[in-house]
Amino acid sequence: KALAMTKVHSNVTIMFASVVNFPQYVREDKPMSVIMLLNLLFSVYDKMVKLHRAYKVETVGDVYMIATGAPSSAEHPERIAAELSLCMTQAARFITADTGDGGEEQPIKIR
């Protein structure tokens, strides 16, 4: 039965986004602060994914996985993924976290 539900997509782009130096945030910050950081970041990403008609596949730790061109077709999924990645990078600059150096919170970076 599982094979009967399988659909072939001829043009799909998969994208992964993760927080630069995430293990450092985990070591230096309180667990609830890390959870709140990821919740805020992923909530923003969820809205962006919806606006770009992409598909959120999964989140594991600080990794956010997206597909474009599946499950619904898109003419240029690579363009959608590129635009989405630029938007996600820009949005991350407005979310700050403690870097553990005793200074002010700094904007997070994603890759």
Protein backbone atom coordinates (compact mmCIF):
# COMPACT_ATOMS: atom_id res chain seq x y z
CA LYS A 1 0.00 0.00 0.00
CA ALA A 2 2.83 2.43 0.72
CA LEU A 3 4.07 2.16 -2.86
CA ALA A 4 0.62 2.98 -4.18
CA MET A 5 0.80 6.34 -2.37
CA THR A 6 4.25 7.22 -3.70
CA LYS A 7 4.46 10.08 -6.19
CA VAL A 8 7.40 11.01 -8.38
CA HIS A 9 8.46 14.66 -8.48
CA SER A 10 10.74 15.54 -11.35
CA ASN A 11 12.13 18.81 -10.00
CA VAL A 12 12.68 19.13 -6.24
CA THR A 13 15.09 21.21 -4.19
CA ILE A 14 15.94 20.29 -0.59
CA MET A 15 17.36 22.93 1.75
CA PHE A 16 18.80 22.68 5.25
CA ALA A 17 19.27 25.64 7.60
CA SER A 18 21.10 25.50 10.92
CA VAL A 19 22.30 27.98 13.53
CA VAL A 20 26.02 28.77 13.39
CA ASN A 21 27.73 27.87 16.70
CA PHE A 22 24.56 26.28 18.08
CA PRO A 23 26.50 23.95 20.46
CA GLN A 24 28.00 27.07 22.06
CA TYR A 25 24.53 28.50 22.72
CA VAL A 26 23.49 25.21 24.30
CA ARG A 27 26.56 25.19 26.59
CA GLU A 28 26.37 28.85 27.56
CA ASP A 29 22.65 29.49 27.93
CA LYS A 30 19.82 28.11 30.04
CA PRO A 31 17.83 25.27 28.43
CA MET A 32 14.60 27.28 28.37
CA SER A 33 16.39 30.17 26.62
CA VAL A 34 17.61 27.79 23.90
CA ILE A 35 14.10 26.38 23.48
CA MET A 36 12.64 29.89 23.25
CA LEU A 37 15.29 30.88 20.69
CA LEU A 38 14.49 27.91 18.45
CA ASN A 39 10.75 28.37 18.89
CA LEU A 40 10.99 32.01 17.82
CA LEU A 41 13.28 31.25 14.89
CA PHE A 42 11.26 28.28 13.64
CA SER A 43 7.95 30.16 14.03
CA VAL A 44 9.30 32.89 11.76
CA TYR A 45 10.57 30.26 9.31
CA ASP A 46 7.20 28.49 9.32
CA LYS A 47 5.51 31.70 8.15
CA MET A 48 8.13 32.24 5.44
CA VAL A 49 7.78 28.67 4.20
CA LYS A 50 4.03 29.12 3.91
CA LEU A 51 4.40 32.43 2.04
CA HIS A 52 6.84 30.85 -0.42
CA ARG A 53 4.61 27.77 -0.89
CA ALA A 54 7.43 25.51 0.23
CA TYR A 55 7.15 22.46 2.49
CA LYS A 56 8.68 22.09 5.94
CA VAL A 57 9.93 18.53 6.07
CA GLU A 58 11.37 18.32 9.59
CA THR A 59 13.25 20.03 12.39
CA VAL A 60 15.90 18.21 14.39
CA GLY A 61 17.74 20.21 17.01
CA ASP A 62 18.66 23.48 15.30
CA VAL A 63 18.30 22.05 11.77
CA TYR A 64 15.30 23.11 9.70
CA MET A 65 14.66 21.06 6.53
CA ILE A 66 12.60 22.39 3.63
CA ALA A 67 11.53 21.02 0.25
CA THR A 68 10.42 23.03 -2.75
CA GLY A 69 8.78 21.37 -5.74
CA ALA A 70 7.20 18.71 -3.52
CA PRO A 71 4.63 17.72 -2.41
CA SER A 72 3.14 20.33 -4.79
CA SER A 73 4.89 21.04 -8.06
CA ALA A 74 6.76 24.27 -8.74
CA GLU A 75 8.21 25.43 -12.04
CA HIS A 76 11.51 26.62 -10.52
CA PRO A 77 11.93 25.11 -7.04
CA GLU A 78 15.60 26.14 -6.94
CA ARG A 79 14.59 29.81 -7.26
CA ILE A 80 12.02 29.44 -4.49
CA ALA A 81 14.62 27.80 -2.23
CA ALA A 82 17.19 30.52 -3.02
CA GLU A 83 14.72 33.31 -2.27
CA LEU A 84 13.56 31.57 0.88
CA SER A 85 17.15 31.10 2.09
CA LEU A 86 17.85 34.82 1.63
CA CYS A 87 14.70 35.73 3.57
CA MET A 88 15.59 33.29 6.35
CA THR A 89 19.12 34.69 6.60
CA GLN A 90 17.80 38.24 6.83
CA ALA A 91 15.22 37.29 9.48
CA ALA A 92 17.85 35.56 11.63
CA ARG A 93 19.71 38.87 11.95
CA PHE A 94 16.82 40.20 14.06
CA ILE A 95 16.95 37.32 16.55
CA THR A 96 19.62 37.62 19.25
CA ALA A 97 21.21 35.17 21.64
CA ASP A 98 23.82 35.18 24.41
CA THR A 99 27.19 34.13 23.02
CA GLY A 100 28.62 33.45 26.48
CA ASP A 101 31.36 36.06 26.24
CA GLY A 102 29.82 38.28 28.91
CA GLY A 103 28.85 40.93 26.37
CA GLU A 104 25.56 41.88 24.86
CA GLU A 105 23.41 39.42 22.98
CA GLN A 106 24.36 39.13 19.33
CA PRO A 107 22.26 38.40 16.24
CA ILE A 108 22.32 34.73 15.36
CA LYS A 109 23.65 33.52 12.04
CA ILE A 110 22.43 30.61 9.99
CA ARG A 111 24.03 28.49 7.32
